[in-house]
Amino acid sequence: MAASIFDRYIHHVGYWNVDKKKLVCLYTVSLIMAAKLEESVEPSFSKIMKLLNDRELWLVNEMDLHLLEQEVIIIFGCDFNFMNPINFVDRYLRILNYNKVEQIVNMCYEMCKFSLNH
């Protein structure tokens, strides 16, 4: 989901309009937003920032992350319904309780990867 947020934002604003500093903010915000949408425990900006290396940390501050998160929400119009084959299969495997059957899970993911590549 983080990759989808990142890609949609880049597609909307154009890759030529995003500078290096904003890319670091964007992938950090994308990860945070994806975690907010998918995880049961809400992530914090300060904990995520601890995962960045010194060079990345120099390019990012918490205020920039909050502002970019707001910008992403506005650009997307609060539409975070991303459906791709892998998300679809993952949800249905959980619903049908097949998510613990390794052979079925592997087969489904291989078919999804094939469909994304072709």
Protein backbone atom coordinates (compact mmCIF):
# COMPACT_ATOMS: atom_id res chain seq x y z
CA MET A 1 0.00 0.00 0.00
CA ALA A 2 2.90 2.37 0.74
CA ALA A 3 4.14 1.89 -2.81
CA SER A 4 0.67 2.70 -4.15
CA ILE A 5 0.52 5.93 -2.15
CA PHE A 6 4.01 6.87 -3.31
CA ASP A 7 3.24 6.08 -6.97
CA ARG A 8 -0.12 7.86 -7.00
CA TYR A 9 1.40 11.01 -5.52
CA ILE A 10 4.31 11.01 -7.99
CA HIS A 11 1.87 10.42 -10.86
CA HIS A 12 -0.31 13.30 -9.74
CA VAL A 13 2.38 15.95 -9.21
CA GLY A 14 4.87 14.68 -11.81
CA TYR A 15 8.25 13.21 -10.98
CA TRP A 16 10.02 16.31 -12.31
CA ASN A 17 8.30 18.43 -9.61
CA VAL A 18 9.56 16.38 -6.65
CA ASP A 19 12.99 17.27 -5.28
CA LYS A 20 15.30 14.89 -3.41
CA LYS A 21 14.28 16.17 0.04
CA LYS A 22 10.63 15.66 -0.74
CA LEU A 23 11.26 12.09 -1.94
CA VAL A 24 12.59 11.13 1.49
CA CYS A 25 9.55 12.77 3.09
CA LEU A 26 7.26 11.09 0.59
CA TYR A 27 8.45 7.54 1.17
CA THR A 28 8.36 8.12 4.94
CA VAL A 29 4.82 9.55 4.78
CA SER A 30 3.71 6.76 2.42
CA LEU A 31 4.90 4.17 4.92
CA ILE A 32 3.19 5.94 7.82
CA MET A 33 -0.08 6.33 5.93
CA ALA A 34 -0.07 2.70 4.81
CA ALA A 35 0.54 1.61 8.39
CA LYS A 36 -2.32 3.82 9.59
CA LEU A 37 -4.64 2.18 7.07
CA GLU A 38 -3.54 -1.43 7.59
CA GLU A 39 -2.19 -1.86 11.13
CA SER A 40 -4.18 -2.03 14.34
CA VAL A 41 -1.67 0.14 16.23
CA GLU A 42 -1.24 3.64 14.84
CA PRO A 43 2.40 4.44 14.05
CA SER A 44 4.06 7.60 15.29
CA PHE A 45 6.19 9.96 13.24
CA SER A 46 8.97 9.94 15.83
CA LYS A 47 9.25 6.14 15.83
CA ILE A 48 9.32 5.98 12.04
CA MET A 49 11.94 8.73 11.92
CA LYS A 50 14.20 6.62 14.16
CA LEU A 51 14.37 4.10 11.29
CA LEU A 52 15.90 6.67 8.94
CA ASN A 53 19.66 6.89 8.53
CA ASP A 54 21.57 10.09 9.38
CA ARG A 55 21.55 11.42 5.82
CA GLU A 56 17.80 10.85 5.45
CA LEU A 57 17.14 12.29 8.90
CA TRP A 58 18.97 15.45 7.90
CA LEU A 59 16.51 15.90 5.00
CA VAL A 60 13.33 15.33 7.04
CA ASN A 61 11.64 16.88 10.03
CA GLU A 62 8.35 16.03 11.67
CA MET A 63 6.61 19.22 10.52
CA ASP A 64 7.47 18.45 6.87
CA LEU A 65 5.98 14.98 7.32
CA HIS A 66 2.74 16.35 8.75
CA LEU A 67 2.42 18.91 5.95
CA LEU A 68 3.09 16.34 3.24
CA GLU A 69 0.62 13.92 4.81
CA GLN A 70 -2.04 16.63 4.65
CA GLU A 71 -1.11 17.39 1.03
CA VAL A 72 -1.41 13.70 0.06
CA ILE A 73 -4.82 13.44 1.73
CA ILE A 74 -6.04 16.54 -0.11
CA ILE A 75 -4.63 15.39 -3.48
CA PHE A 76 -6.22 11.94 -3.10
CA GLY A 77 -9.50 13.47 -1.96
CA CYS A 78 -9.44 11.04 0.99
CA ASP A 79 -9.68 8.15 -1.50
CA PHE A 80 -7.41 5.40 -0.21
CA ASN A 81 -9.21 2.48 -1.81
CA PHE A 82 -6.39 0.79 -3.64
CA MET A 83 -7.21 -2.49 -5.21
CA ASN A 84 -4.61 -4.55 -6.86
CA PRO A 85 -4.57 -8.31 -7.29
CA ILE A 86 -2.34 -8.97 -4.29
CA ASN A 87 -4.50 -6.95 -1.85
CA PHE A 88 -7.60 -8.61 -3.26
CA VAL A 89 -6.21 -12.14 -2.86
CA ASP A 90 -4.78 -11.39 0.58
CA ARG A 91 -8.14 -10.23 1.91
CA TYR A 92 -10.08 -13.15 0.44
CA LEU A 93 -7.59 -15.71 1.68
CA ARG A 94 -8.09 -14.32 5.19
CA ILE A 95 -11.88 -14.33 4.82
CA LEU A 96 -11.89 -17.95 3.63
CA ASN A 97 -9.29 -19.02 6.23
CA TYR A 98 -6.91 -20.20 3.52
CA ASN A 99 -4.23 -17.72 4.60
CA LYS A 100 -2.59 -20.44 6.70
CA VAL A 101 -2.42 -23.01 3.88
CA GLU A 102 1.06 -22.33 2.50
CA GLN A 103 0.54 -24.09 -0.85
CA ILE A 104 -2.61 -22.09 -1.66
CA VAL A 105 -1.06 -18.80 -0.53
CA ASN A 106 2.07 -19.36 -2.64
CA MET A 107 0.05 -20.34 -5.69
CA CYS A 108 -2.19 -17.26 -5.37
CA TYR A 109 0.75 -14.89 -4.97
CA GLU A 110 2.55 -16.40 -7.96
CA MET A 111 -0.57 -15.92 -10.09
CA CYS A 112 -0.83 -12.31 -8.89
CA LYS A 113 2.81 -11.59 -9.66
CA PHE A 114 2.32 -13.12 -13.10
CA SER A 115 -0.76 -10.97 -13.75
CA LEU A 116 1.10 -7.81 -12.63
CA ASN A 117 4.03 -8.58 -14.95
CA HIS A 118 1.93 -9.48 -17.98
